[in-house]
Amino acid sequence: MRTDSKLNYVHEANDNGSNIEIIDFDELLERLNITENELDKMPLISFDFLFEDGAIIKDKRDKSYIEHKKKKERKDGVVYSDNSSGTTLGDLFGDLFSKLLDESEDKNED
């Protein structure tokens, strides 16, 4: 069984008078009246709203992660991958690649 980082806080809250019920994943699925297979087929929701200015994020680790991701985004909307050194061919050659692509598409149309 995998440990949950929040479990200690739940136990502490219950010790201080809260009444938080702890259930396992199978019990959750049963209460929702779905199977794990049905859950897997459901579309994932987008969490892009967390990256919007003004989003309220209380967990310090989540906030740090999101801020780190936001810093990687440049003004022109390009997002670097996690393993990027920061400088790309696009940085070095400006819009040369888009011009080459446009020229290539023009030649293919002829």
N, C-alpha and C. Protein backbone atom coordinates (compact mmCIF):
# COMPACT_ATOMS: atom_id res chain seq x y z
N MET A 1 0.83 -1.18 0.00
CA MET A 1 0.00 0.00 0.00
C MET A 1 0.88 1.25 0.00
N ARG A 2 0.53 2.19 -0.84
CA ARG A 2 1.29 3.42 -0.97
C ARG A 2 0.88 4.38 0.14
N THR A 3 1.86 5.06 0.72
CA THR A 3 1.54 6.02 1.77
C THR A 3 1.13 7.35 1.14
N ASP A 4 0.26 8.05 1.81
CA ASP A 4 -0.24 9.33 1.33
C ASP A 4 0.37 10.43 2.20
N SER A 5 0.91 11.45 1.57
CA SER A 5 1.57 12.51 2.32
C SER A 5 0.60 13.28 3.21
N LYS A 6 -0.69 13.24 2.90
CA LYS A 6 -1.68 13.98 3.69
C LYS A 6 -2.27 13.15 4.82
N LEU A 7 -1.97 11.86 4.84
CA LEU A 7 -2.59 10.97 5.82
C LEU A 7 -2.29 11.39 7.26
N ASN A 8 -1.07 11.81 7.52
CA ASN A 8 -0.72 12.24 8.88
C ASN A 8 -1.56 13.44 9.31
N TYR A 9 -1.81 14.36 8.38
CA TYR A 9 -2.64 15.53 8.69
C TYR A 9 -4.08 15.12 8.98
N VAL A 10 -4.57 14.12 8.26
CA VAL A 10 -5.94 13.63 8.48
C VAL A 10 -6.03 13.00 9.87
N HIS A 11 -5.07 12.18 10.21
CA HIS A 11 -5.07 11.55 11.55
C HIS A 11 -4.99 12.61 12.64
N GLU A 12 -4.15 13.61 12.43
CA GLU A 12 -4.02 14.68 13.42
C GLU A 12 -5.33 15.45 13.55
N ALA A 13 -5.98 15.73 12.42
CA ALA A 13 -7.26 16.45 12.46
C ALA A 13 -8.31 15.62 13.18
N ASN A 14 -8.34 14.31 12.90
CA ASN A 14 -9.30 13.44 13.59
C ASN A 14 -9.02 13.39 15.09
N ASP A 15 -7.74 13.36 15.46
CA ASP A 15 -7.38 13.37 16.88
C ASP A 15 -7.84 14.67 17.56
N ASN A 16 -7.95 15.74 16.77
CA ASN A 16 -8.37 17.04 17.31
C ASN A 16 -9.86 17.31 17.13
N GLY A 17 -10.64 16.24 16.87
CA GLY A 17 -12.08 16.38 16.84
C GLY A 17 -12.74 16.35 15.47
N SER A 18 -11.96 16.34 14.39
CA SER A 18 -12.58 16.24 13.06
C SER A 18 -13.12 14.84 12.87
N ASN A 19 -13.97 14.69 11.88
CA ASN A 19 -14.56 13.39 11.60
C ASN A 19 -14.35 13.07 10.12
N ILE A 20 -13.08 12.92 9.73
CA ILE A 20 -12.74 12.63 8.34
C ILE A 20 -12.68 11.12 8.16
N GLU A 21 -13.49 10.63 7.25
CA GLU A 21 -13.54 9.19 6.99
C GLU A 21 -12.43 8.82 5.99
N ILE A 22 -11.70 7.79 6.30
CA ILE A 22 -10.63 7.31 5.41
C ILE A 22 -11.13 6.04 4.74
N ILE A 23 -11.13 6.09 3.38
CA ILE A 23 -11.57 4.92 2.61
C ILE A 23 -10.50 4.58 1.58
N ASP A 24 -10.49 3.34 1.12
CA ASP A 24 -9.54 2.98 0.08
C ASP A 24 -10.14 3.25 -1.30
N PHE A 25 -9.32 3.13 -2.32
CA PHE A 25 -9.71 3.48 -3.67
C PHE A 25 -10.90 2.65 -4.16
N ASP A 26 -10.91 1.35 -3.85
CA ASP A 26 -12.02 0.50 -4.28
C ASP A 26 -13.34 0.95 -3.66
N GLU A 27 -13.30 1.37 -2.41
CA GLU A 27 -14.50 1.89 -1.75
C GLU A 27 -14.98 3.17 -2.42
N LEU A 28 -14.04 4.02 -2.81
CA LEU A 28 -14.40 5.25 -3.52
C LEU A 28 -15.12 4.92 -4.83
N LEU A 29 -14.56 4.00 -5.60
CA LEU A 29 -15.18 3.61 -6.86
C LEU A 29 -16.58 3.03 -6.63
N GLU A 30 -16.72 2.24 -5.58
CA GLU A 30 -18.02 1.65 -5.26
C GLU A 30 -19.04 2.74 -4.92
N ARG A 31 -18.62 3.73 -4.14
CA ARG A 31 -19.52 4.82 -3.77
C ARG A 31 -19.89 5.67 -4.99
N LEU A 32 -18.97 5.80 -5.93
CA LEU A 32 -19.25 6.56 -7.15
C LEU A 32 -20.01 5.72 -8.18
N ASN A 33 -20.13 4.45 -7.87
CA ASN A 33 -20.85 3.50 -8.73
C ASN A 33 -20.23 3.41 -10.14
N ILE A 34 -18.88 3.34 -10.16
CA ILE A 34 -18.17 3.15 -11.41
C ILE A 34 -17.08 2.11 -11.21
N THR A 35 -16.61 1.56 -12.30
CA THR A 35 -15.50 0.62 -12.23
C THR A 35 -14.21 1.37 -12.56
N GLU A 36 -13.08 0.76 -12.27
CA GLU A 36 -11.81 1.38 -12.60
C GLU A 36 -11.66 1.50 -14.12
N ASN A 37 -12.17 0.52 -14.84
CA ASN A 37 -12.13 0.55 -16.31
C ASN A 37 -12.94 1.73 -16.84
N GLU A 38 -14.12 1.97 -16.27
CA GLU A 38 -14.94 3.12 -16.68
C GLU A 38 -14.22 4.44 -16.36
N LEU A 39 -13.57 4.48 -15.21
CA LEU A 39 -12.83 5.66 -14.81
C LEU A 39 -11.70 5.94 -15.80
N ASP A 40 -10.99 4.88 -16.21
CA ASP A 40 -9.89 5.04 -17.17
C ASP A 40 -10.37 5.59 -18.51
N LYS A 41 -11.60 5.29 -18.89
CA LYS A 41 -12.13 5.74 -20.18
C LYS A 41 -12.67 7.17 -20.14
N MET A 42 -12.83 7.73 -18.96
CA MET A 42 -13.35 9.08 -18.83
C MET A 42 -12.31 10.09 -19.28
N PRO A 43 -12.76 11.20 -19.91
CA PRO A 43 -11.80 12.21 -20.36
C PRO A 43 -11.17 12.92 -19.16
N LEU A 44 -9.91 13.28 -19.33
CA LEU A 44 -9.21 14.01 -18.28
C LEU A 44 -9.58 15.48 -18.36
N ILE A 45 -9.74 16.09 -17.22
CA ILE A 45 -10.05 17.51 -17.21
C ILE A 45 -8.74 18.30 -17.30
N SER A 46 -8.83 19.49 -17.81
CA SER A 46 -7.67 20.36 -17.94
C SER A 46 -7.46 21.15 -16.65
N PHE A 47 -6.22 21.26 -16.26
CA PHE A 47 -5.87 22.07 -15.10
C PHE A 47 -5.12 23.33 -15.52
N ASP A 48 -5.30 23.73 -16.78
CA ASP A 48 -4.62 24.92 -17.29
C ASP A 48 -4.97 26.17 -16.49
N PHE A 49 -6.14 26.19 -15.89
CA PHE A 49 -6.56 27.36 -15.11
C PHE A 49 -5.59 27.64 -13.96
N LEU A 50 -4.86 26.62 -13.52
CA LEU A 50 -3.91 26.83 -12.43
C LEU A 50 -2.74 27.71 -12.85
N PHE A 51 -2.51 27.80 -14.16
CA PHE A 51 -1.41 28.60 -14.67
C PHE A 51 -1.82 30.03 -14.97
N GLU A 52 -3.10 30.36 -14.79
CA GLU A 52 -3.58 31.70 -15.05
C GLU A 52 -3.19 32.62 -13.89
N ASP A 53 -2.96 33.88 -14.23
CA ASP A 53 -2.67 34.86 -13.19
C ASP A 53 -3.87 34.97 -12.26
N GLY A 54 -3.62 35.03 -10.99
CA GLY A 54 -4.69 35.16 -10.02
C GLY A 54 -5.23 33.84 -9.50
N ALA A 55 -4.70 32.70 -10.02
CA ALA A 55 -5.15 31.40 -9.52
C ALA A 55 -4.73 31.26 -8.06
N ILE A 56 -5.63 30.77 -7.24
CA ILE A 56 -5.34 30.60 -5.81
C ILE A 56 -4.89 29.17 -5.59
N ILE A 57 -3.63 29.03 -5.18
CA ILE A 57 -3.04 27.71 -4.93
C ILE A 57 -2.49 27.74 -3.52
N LYS A 58 -3.06 26.90 -2.66
CA LYS A 58 -2.70 26.95 -1.24
C LYS A 58 -1.49 26.09 -0.91
N ASP A 59 -1.37 24.94 -1.55
CA ASP A 59 -0.26 24.04 -1.25
C ASP A 59 1.05 24.63 -1.76
N LYS A 60 2.03 24.81 -0.87
CA LYS A 60 3.29 25.46 -1.22
C LYS A 60 4.05 24.67 -2.30
N ARG A 61 4.02 23.35 -2.22
CA ARG A 61 4.74 22.55 -3.22
C ARG A 61 4.09 22.68 -4.59
N ASP A 62 2.75 22.65 -4.64
CA ASP A 62 2.06 22.82 -5.91
C ASP A 62 2.32 24.21 -6.48
N LYS A 63 2.27 25.20 -5.62
CA LYS A 63 2.50 26.57 -6.06
C LYS A 63 3.92 26.72 -6.61
N SER A 64 4.89 26.14 -5.94
CA SER A 64 6.28 26.20 -6.39
C SER A 64 6.44 25.52 -7.75
N TYR A 65 5.81 24.36 -7.91
CA TYR A 65 5.87 23.62 -9.17
C TYR A 65 5.28 24.45 -10.32
N ILE A 66 4.13 25.05 -10.08
CA ILE A 66 3.45 25.83 -11.11
C ILE A 66 4.25 27.08 -11.44
N GLU A 67 4.79 27.75 -10.44
CA GLU A 67 5.61 28.93 -10.69
C GLU A 67 6.85 28.55 -11.50
N HIS A 68 7.44 27.41 -11.20
CA HIS A 68 8.61 26.93 -11.94
C HIS A 68 8.24 26.72 -13.41
N LYS A 69 7.09 26.10 -13.65
CA LYS A 69 6.63 25.87 -15.03
C LYS A 69 6.34 27.18 -15.74
N LYS A 70 5.74 28.13 -15.03
CA LYS A 70 5.39 29.41 -15.63
C LYS A 70 6.65 30.19 -16.03
N LYS A 71 7.72 30.06 -15.25
CA LYS A 71 8.96 30.77 -15.55
C LYS A 71 9.59 30.25 -16.84
N LYS A 72 9.30 29.00 -17.18
CA LYS A 72 9.85 28.42 -18.40
C LYS A 72 9.17 28.96 -19.65
N GLU A 73 8.01 29.54 -19.46
CA GLU A 73 7.26 30.05 -20.61
C GLU A 73 7.79 31.43 -21.00
N ARG A 74 8.15 31.57 -22.24
CA ARG A 74 8.66 32.84 -22.74
C ARG A 74 7.52 33.74 -23.17
N LYS A 75 7.81 35.00 -23.38
CA LYS A 75 6.80 35.96 -23.77
C LYS A 75 6.10 35.57 -25.07
N ASP A 76 6.82 34.89 -25.97
CA ASP A 76 6.22 34.51 -27.24
C ASP A 76 5.41 33.23 -27.15
N GLY A 77 5.28 32.68 -25.94
CA GLY A 77 4.44 31.50 -25.75
C GLY A 77 5.14 30.18 -25.90
N VAL A 78 6.44 30.19 -26.21
CA VAL A 78 7.18 28.93 -26.35
C VAL A 78 7.47 28.40 -24.96
N VAL A 79 7.20 27.12 -24.75
CA VAL A 79 7.47 26.49 -23.47
C VAL A 79 8.61 25.51 -23.65
N TYR A 80 9.64 25.67 -22.87
CA TYR A 80 10.77 24.75 -22.94
C TYR A 80 10.44 23.45 -22.24
N SER A 81 11.01 22.35 -22.71
CA SER A 81 10.83 21.08 -22.03
C SER A 81 11.65 21.08 -20.75
N ASP A 82 11.37 20.10 -19.88
CA ASP A 82 12.08 20.03 -18.60
C ASP A 82 13.57 19.82 -18.77
N ASN A 83 13.98 19.18 -19.88
CA ASN A 83 15.40 18.88 -20.06
C ASN A 83 16.08 19.88 -20.99
N SER A 84 15.42 21.00 -21.27
CA SER A 84 15.97 22.01 -22.17
C SER A 84 17.04 22.82 -21.46
N SER A 85 18.08 23.18 -22.23
CA SER A 85 19.12 24.04 -21.67
C SER A 85 18.69 25.49 -21.68
N GLY A 86 17.59 25.79 -22.36
CA GLY A 86 17.10 27.15 -22.42
C GLY A 86 17.30 27.77 -23.79
N THR A 87 18.46 27.61 -24.40
CA THR A 87 18.70 28.16 -25.73
C THR A 87 18.33 27.13 -26.78
N THR A 88 17.57 27.57 -27.76
CA THR A 88 17.13 26.67 -28.82
C THR A 88 17.60 27.19 -30.17
N LEU A 89 17.49 26.35 -31.19
CA LEU A 89 17.81 26.79 -32.54
C LEU A 89 16.91 27.96 -32.95
N GLY A 90 15.67 27.94 -32.48
CA GLY A 90 14.75 29.04 -32.76
C GLY A 90 15.26 30.35 -32.18
N ASP A 91 15.92 30.29 -31.02
CA ASP A 91 16.51 31.49 -30.43
C ASP A 91 17.66 32.01 -31.28
N LEU A 92 18.44 31.08 -31.81
CA LEU A 92 19.63 31.47 -32.57
C LEU A 92 19.31 31.96 -33.97
N PHE A 93 18.27 31.39 -34.59
CA PHE A 93 17.98 31.69 -35.99
C PHE A 93 16.66 32.43 -36.20
N GLY A 94 16.06 32.92 -35.16
CA GLY A 94 14.84 33.72 -35.27
C GLY A 94 13.74 33.03 -36.04
N ASP A 95 13.16 33.72 -37.00
CA ASP A 95 12.04 33.14 -37.75
C ASP A 95 12.49 32.44 -39.02
N LEU A 96 13.76 32.09 -39.10
CA LEU A 96 14.29 31.40 -40.28
C LEU A 96 13.54 30.11 -40.55
N PHE A 97 13.24 29.34 -39.49
CA PHE A 97 12.57 28.05 -39.67
C PHE A 97 11.16 28.21 -40.25
N SER A 98 10.43 29.21 -39.79
CA SER A 98 9.08 29.41 -40.33
C SER A 98 9.15 29.85 -41.78
N LYS A 99 10.15 30.66 -42.14
CA LYS A 99 10.32 31.06 -43.53
C LYS A 99 10.65 29.85 -44.40
N LEU A 100 11.55 29.00 -43.92
CA LEU A 100 11.90 27.79 -44.66
C LEU A 100 10.69 26.88 -44.84
N LEU A 101 9.89 26.76 -43.81
CA LEU A 101 8.68 25.93 -43.89
C LEU A 101 7.70 26.50 -44.91
N ASP A 102 7.52 27.83 -44.88
CA ASP A 102 6.63 28.48 -45.85
C ASP A 102 7.12 28.25 -47.27
N GLU A 103 8.44 28.39 -47.49
CA GLU A 103 9.01 28.17 -48.82
C GLU A 103 8.83 26.72 -49.25
N SER A 104 9.03 25.81 -48.33
CA SER A 104 8.88 24.38 -48.63
C SER A 104 7.45 24.06 -49.01
N GLU A 105 6.47 24.64 -48.31
CA GLU A 105 5.06 24.41 -48.62
C GLU A 105 4.71 25.01 -49.97
N ASP A 106 5.28 26.18 -50.29
CA ASP A 106 5.03 26.81 -51.58
C ASP A 106 5.54 25.92 -52.71
N LYS A 107 6.71 25.33 -52.56
CA LYS A 107 7.30 24.47 -53.58
C LYS A 107 6.46 23.20 -53.76
N ASN A 108 5.92 22.66 -52.65
CA ASN A 108 5.11 21.46 -52.72
C ASN A 108 3.78 21.70 -53.43
N GLU A 109 3.28 22.94 -53.37
CA GLU A 109 2.02 23.27 -54.03
C GLU A 109 2.19 23.38 -55.54
N ASP A 110 3.41 23.71 -55.98
CA ASP A 110 3.67 23.84 -57.44
C ASP A 110 3.75 22.49 -58.02
